[in-house]
Amino acid sequence: MLDNNHTITIIHKEYLYEMLEKIKQNPGIFLGKYSITRLRAFLDGYMSSREDLGLPPTQQEIEFNQFQDWIQKRFKITSSHGWDSIILFYSADERDALNNFFELFEQFRNGESSTREEINQEQVIESKHSLIP
């Protein structure tokens, strides 16, 4: 007779950004093709699975949820379109949108301003400081 008394140990590890980096390196393996729409579906499945398992959100997942607001401010969008739709709208195609996602996400993670005007002002301030002897 088999012993079915198994214990599952759940390790709360920050994994989201590591997974996104792996997807960035080889989108075809994880998504089937280079597509921001497929990335969104993949991430929705990931988040939904964690929620179904009753796992609390990690710090990275909480931070990632702020990406939507950042993208909306970045592109001055007030509608309810998701970050993927917004990026796709401003891209040539699905592949370009996926590449743009990774660039924008890196800017978001680095704490860059979501508004282009603020970005330009920050660059001007940095330039002025570099001119001071």
Protein backbone atom coordinates (compact mmCIF):
# COMPACT_ATOMS: atom_id res chain seq x y z
CA MET A 1 0.00 0.00 0.00
CA LEU A 2 1.29 3.48 -0.90
CA ASP A 3 1.80 6.16 1.72
CA ASN A 4 -0.05 9.27 0.51
CA ASN A 5 1.01 11.47 3.39
CA HIS A 6 3.06 14.06 1.57
CA THR A 7 4.03 17.45 2.87
CA ILE A 8 4.31 20.41 0.54
CA THR A 9 6.67 23.14 1.59
CA ILE A 10 6.04 26.53 0.05
CA ILE A 11 9.01 28.84 -0.13
CA HIS A 12 8.08 32.49 -0.47
CA LYS A 13 10.67 33.59 -2.98
CA GLU A 14 10.74 36.65 -5.14
CA TYR A 15 10.53 35.03 -8.55
CA LEU A 16 8.57 37.34 -10.86
CA TYR A 17 11.45 39.49 -12.12
CA GLU A 18 13.72 36.48 -12.56
CA MET A 19 10.99 34.84 -14.64
CA LEU A 20 10.53 38.00 -16.74
CA GLU A 21 14.27 38.07 -17.40
CA LYS A 22 14.14 34.47 -18.63
CA ILE A 23 11.22 35.32 -20.89
CA LYS A 24 13.13 38.34 -22.21
CA GLN A 25 16.09 36.12 -23.10
CA ASN A 26 13.98 33.57 -24.97
CA PRO A 27 10.32 34.57 -25.49
CA GLY A 28 9.65 31.75 -27.95
CA ILE A 29 10.17 29.05 -25.33
CA PHE A 30 7.84 30.61 -22.77
CA LEU A 31 5.27 32.31 -25.00
CA GLY A 32 5.35 30.29 -28.23
CA LYS A 33 6.11 33.43 -30.21
CA TYR A 34 7.22 37.02 -29.63
CA SER A 35 3.97 38.59 -28.46
CA ILE A 36 3.04 41.09 -25.77
CA THR A 37 -0.49 39.66 -25.78
CA ARG A 38 0.89 36.22 -24.95
CA LEU A 39 3.11 37.72 -22.26
CA ARG A 40 0.04 39.30 -20.66
CA ALA A 41 -1.83 35.96 -20.79
CA PHE A 42 1.19 34.18 -19.29
CA LEU A 43 1.48 36.69 -16.44
CA ASP A 44 -2.26 36.64 -15.79
CA GLY A 45 -2.07 32.84 -15.51
CA TYR A 46 0.93 33.09 -13.19
CA MET A 47 -0.79 35.59 -10.89
CA SER A 48 -4.07 33.68 -10.96
CA SER A 49 -2.33 30.41 -10.06
CA ARG A 50 -0.61 31.98 -7.08
CA GLU A 51 -3.89 33.48 -5.93
CA ASP A 52 -5.71 30.12 -6.34
CA LEU A 53 -3.04 28.49 -4.18
CA GLY A 54 -3.67 31.08 -1.49
CA LEU A 55 -0.15 32.49 -1.74
CA PRO A 56 0.26 36.08 -0.60
CA PRO A 57 1.62 38.48 -3.21
CA THR A 58 5.36 38.98 -3.13
CA GLN A 59 6.97 42.42 -3.01
CA GLN A 60 7.80 42.14 -6.72
CA GLU A 61 4.19 41.29 -7.59
CA ILE A 62 2.93 44.24 -5.56
CA GLU A 63 5.43 46.50 -7.34
CA PHE A 64 4.52 45.06 -10.75
CA ASN A 65 0.85 45.93 -10.13
CA GLN A 66 1.93 49.60 -10.15
CA PHE A 67 3.25 49.20 -13.70
CA GLN A 68 -0.29 49.71 -15.08
CA ASP A 69 -0.55 53.19 -13.53
CA TRP A 70 2.99 54.04 -14.66
CA ILE A 71 2.19 53.09 -18.27
CA GLN A 72 -1.08 55.04 -18.23
CA LYS A 73 0.74 58.15 -16.99
CA ARG A 74 3.58 57.58 -19.43
CA PHE A 75 1.24 57.52 -22.43
CA LYS A 76 -1.37 59.89 -20.95
CA ILE A 77 -4.10 57.25 -21.14
CA THR A 78 -7.13 57.56 -18.87
CA SER A 79 -9.18 54.69 -20.34
CA SER A 80 -9.28 51.21 -18.85
CA HIS A 81 -6.94 49.64 -21.43
CA GLY A 82 -4.33 47.29 -19.98
CA TRP A 83 -0.59 47.98 -20.11
CA ASP A 84 -0.23 45.44 -22.90
CA SER A 85 -2.87 47.11 -25.11
CA ILE A 86 -1.37 50.54 -24.54
CA ILE A 87 2.14 49.41 -25.42
CA LEU A 88 0.87 47.49 -28.46
CA PHE A 89 -1.02 50.56 -29.70
CA TYR A 90 2.22 52.57 -29.71
CA SER A 91 4.27 49.78 -31.32
CA ALA A 92 4.65 48.48 -34.85
CA ASP A 93 3.51 44.94 -34.04
CA GLU A 94 3.42 42.26 -31.32
CA ARG A 95 7.19 41.66 -31.48
CA ASP A 96 8.00 45.35 -31.27
CA ALA A 97 5.51 45.73 -28.41
CA LEU A 98 7.21 42.91 -26.49
CA ASN A 99 10.60 44.58 -26.94
CA ASN A 100 9.07 47.90 -25.88
CA PHE A 101 7.58 46.24 -22.80
CA PHE A 102 10.99 45.11 -21.60
CA GLU A 103 12.50 48.56 -22.20
CA LEU A 104 9.63 50.30 -20.41
CA PHE A 105 9.63 47.78 -17.58
CA GLU A 106 13.34 48.37 -17.04
CA GLN A 107 12.71 52.12 -16.85
CA PHE A 108 9.87 51.49 -14.38
CA ARG A 109 12.06 49.27 -12.21
CA ASN A 110 14.85 51.86 -12.26
CA GLY A 111 12.42 54.42 -10.84
CA GLU A 112 12.33 56.60 -13.93
CA SER A 113 9.56 59.14 -14.15
CA SER A 114 6.40 58.06 -15.93
CA THR A 115 5.94 61.43 -17.63
CA ARG A 116 8.11 62.51 -20.49
CA GLU A 117 8.09 66.16 -19.37
CA GLU A 118 9.55 65.18 -16.00
CA ILE A 119 12.15 63.05 -17.75
CA ASN A 120 13.22 66.00 -19.90
CA GLN A 121 13.36 68.31 -16.86
CA GLU A 122 15.48 65.78 -14.96
CA GLN A 123 17.90 65.58 -17.89
CA VAL A 124 18.18 69.39 -18.02
CA ILE A 125 18.87 69.55 -14.27
CA GLU A 126 21.52 66.83 -14.59
CA SER A 127 23.12 68.71 -17.51
CA LYS A 128 23.28 71.95 -15.52
CA HIS A 129 24.93 70.18 -12.59
CA SER A 130 27.53 68.61 -14.85
CA LEU A 131 28.48 72.06 -16.18
CA ILE A 132 29.16 73.49 -12.72
CA PRO A 133 32.94 73.30 -12.01
